[in-house]
Amino acid sequence: MKRKTIYINYHEEDIKVDIDESKGIRSFLVYLPGEDGHLDISIKTDAEGNENWYEGEQATPRAKEIGELIELATM
């Protein structure tokens, strides 16, 4: 398993993010305080070529916000 850990600042807290590249795609395991387990955040491209951030199988505002922070941290 190829996994790397980074931290992002989300709502004034340092949040642990594990980047998992073991399945040939990048997924981000985000550990938020007060939530059991982790969020599975990923980026997917739709039929029109637009990239969207997903929380599980749903494109959510929270996934977009966290995804943008992950992008900044990994540039």
C-alpha atoms as a PDB file:
ATOM      1  CA  MET A   1       0.000   0.000   0.000  1.00  0.00           C
ATOM      2  CA  LYS A   2       1.360   3.399  -1.004  1.00  0.00           C
ATOM      3  CA  ARG A   3       0.264   5.872   1.634  1.00  0.00           C
ATOM      4  CA  LYS A   4       1.500   9.328   2.590  1.00  0.00           C
ATOM      5  CA  THR A   5       0.247  11.546   5.423  1.00  0.00           C
ATOM      6  CA  ILE A   6      -0.204  15.315   5.259  1.00  0.00           C
ATOM      7  CA  TYR A   7      -1.988  17.823   7.475  1.00  0.00           C
ATOM      8  CA  ILE A   8      -4.347  20.584   6.362  1.00  0.00           C
ATOM      9  CA  ASN A   9      -5.832  23.451   8.342  1.00  0.00           C
ATOM     10  CA  TYR A  10      -9.611  23.062   8.235  1.00  0.00           C
ATOM     11  CA  HIS A  11     -11.789  25.298  10.421  1.00  0.00           C
ATOM     12  CA  GLU A  12      -8.821  26.342  12.549  1.00  0.00           C
ATOM     13  CA  GLU A  13      -7.713  22.761  13.257  1.00  0.00           C
ATOM     14  CA  ASP A  14      -4.879  20.673  11.852  1.00  0.00           C
ATOM     15  CA  ILE A  15      -6.535  17.707  10.165  1.00  0.00           C
ATOM     16  CA  LYS A  16      -4.741  14.476   9.278  1.00  0.00           C
ATOM     17  CA  VAL A  17      -5.113  13.341   5.656  1.00  0.00           C
ATOM     18  CA  ASP A  18      -3.772  10.004   4.434  1.00  0.00           C
ATOM     19  CA  ILE A  19      -3.195   9.927   0.682  1.00  0.00           C
ATOM     20  CA  ASP A  20      -3.733   6.399  -0.636  1.00  0.00           C
ATOM     21  CA  GLU A  21      -2.501   5.562  -4.142  1.00  0.00           C
ATOM     22  CA  SER A  22      -2.638   1.783  -3.835  1.00  0.00           C
ATOM     23  CA  LYS A  23      -5.528   1.215  -6.242  1.00  0.00           C
ATOM     24  CA  GLY A  24      -4.078   3.206  -9.126  1.00  0.00           C
ATOM     25  CA  ILE A  25      -6.149   6.260  -8.194  1.00  0.00           C
ATOM     26  CA  ARG A  26      -5.656   8.784  -5.439  1.00  0.00           C
ATOM     27  CA  SER A  27      -8.051   8.763  -2.543  1.00  0.00           C
ATOM     28  CA  PHE A  28      -7.818  10.922   0.525  1.00  0.00           C
ATOM     29  CA  LEU A  29      -8.734   9.604   3.959  1.00  0.00           C
ATOM     30  CA  VAL A  30      -9.619  12.652   6.045  1.00  0.00           C
ATOM     31  CA  TYR A  31      -9.841  12.345   9.839  1.00  0.00           C
ATOM     32  CA  LEU A  32     -12.124  15.040  11.275  1.00  0.00           C
ATOM     33  CA  PRO A  33     -12.419  15.552  15.025  1.00  0.00           C
ATOM     34  CA  GLY A  34     -15.719  14.360  16.443  1.00  0.00           C
ATOM     35  CA  GLU A  35     -16.452  11.981  13.556  1.00  0.00           C
ATOM     36  CA  ASP A  36     -16.034   8.220  13.715  1.00  0.00           C
ATOM     37  CA  GLY A  37     -13.495   6.850  11.273  1.00  0.00           C
ATOM     38  CA  HIS A  38     -12.586   8.942   8.266  1.00  0.00           C
ATOM     39  CA  LEU A  39     -14.099  10.648   5.246  1.00  0.00           C
ATOM     40  CA  ASP A  40     -13.221   9.167   1.856  1.00  0.00           C
ATOM     41  CA  ILE A  41     -12.561  12.168  -0.383  1.00  0.00           C
ATOM     42  CA  SER A  42     -11.715  11.759  -4.070  1.00  0.00           C
ATOM     43  CA  ILE A  43     -11.661  13.770  -7.268  1.00  0.00           C
ATOM     44  CA  LYS A  44     -13.558  12.549 -10.295  1.00  0.00           C
ATOM     45  CA  THR A  45     -14.026  13.882 -13.814  1.00  0.00           C
ATOM     46  CA  ASP A  46     -17.550  13.989 -15.211  1.00  0.00           C
ATOM     47  CA  ALA A  47     -18.621  13.328 -18.820  1.00  0.00           C
ATOM     48  CA  GLU A  48     -18.060  16.987 -19.706  1.00  0.00           C
ATOM     49  CA  GLY A  49     -14.467  16.975 -18.422  1.00  0.00           C
ATOM     50  CA  ASN A  50     -15.144  18.893 -15.201  1.00  0.00           C
ATOM     51  CA  GLU A  51     -13.289  17.782 -12.082  1.00  0.00           C
ATOM     52  CA  ASN A  52     -15.364  17.565  -8.897  1.00  0.00           C
ATOM     53  CA  TRP A  53     -14.518  16.584  -5.336  1.00  0.00           C
ATOM     54  CA  TYR A  54     -16.583  13.769  -3.833  1.00  0.00           C
ATOM     55  CA  GLU A  55     -17.270  12.599  -0.301  1.00  0.00           C
ATOM     56  CA  GLY A  56     -17.926   8.931  -0.880  1.00  0.00           C
ATOM     57  CA  GLU A  57     -20.168   8.939  -3.954  1.00  0.00           C
ATOM     58  CA  GLN A  58     -21.621  12.437  -3.423  1.00  0.00           C
ATOM     59  CA  ALA A  59     -20.246  15.756  -4.644  1.00  0.00           C
ATOM     60  CA  THR A  60     -20.606  17.925  -1.526  1.00  0.00           C
ATOM     61  CA  PRO A  61     -19.571  21.463  -0.572  1.00  0.00           C
ATOM     62  CA  ARG A  62     -17.491  20.007   2.274  1.00  0.00           C
ATOM     63  CA  ALA A  63     -15.665  17.688  -0.154  1.00  0.00           C
ATOM     64  CA  LYS A  64     -14.919  20.669  -2.412  1.00  0.00           C
ATOM     65  CA  GLU A  65     -13.623  22.765   0.487  1.00  0.00           C
ATOM     66  CA  ILE A  66     -11.416  19.961   1.838  1.00  0.00           C
ATOM     67  CA  GLY A  67     -10.276  19.019  -1.671  1.00  0.00           C
ATOM     68  CA  GLU A  68      -9.118  22.551  -2.414  1.00  0.00           C
ATOM     69  CA  LEU A  69      -7.111  22.563   0.838  1.00  0.00           C
ATOM     70  CA  ILE A  70      -5.556  19.223  -0.129  1.00  0.00           C
ATOM     71  CA  GLU A  71      -4.618  20.643  -3.539  1.00  0.00           C
ATOM     72  CA  LEU A  72      -2.878  23.595  -1.886  1.00  0.00           C
ATOM     73  CA  ALA A  73      -1.017  21.309   0.520  1.00  0.00           C
ATOM     74  CA  THR A  74       0.210  18.955  -2.210  1.00  0.00           C
ATOM     75  CA  MET A  75       1.342  21.527  -4.785  1.00  0.00           C
END
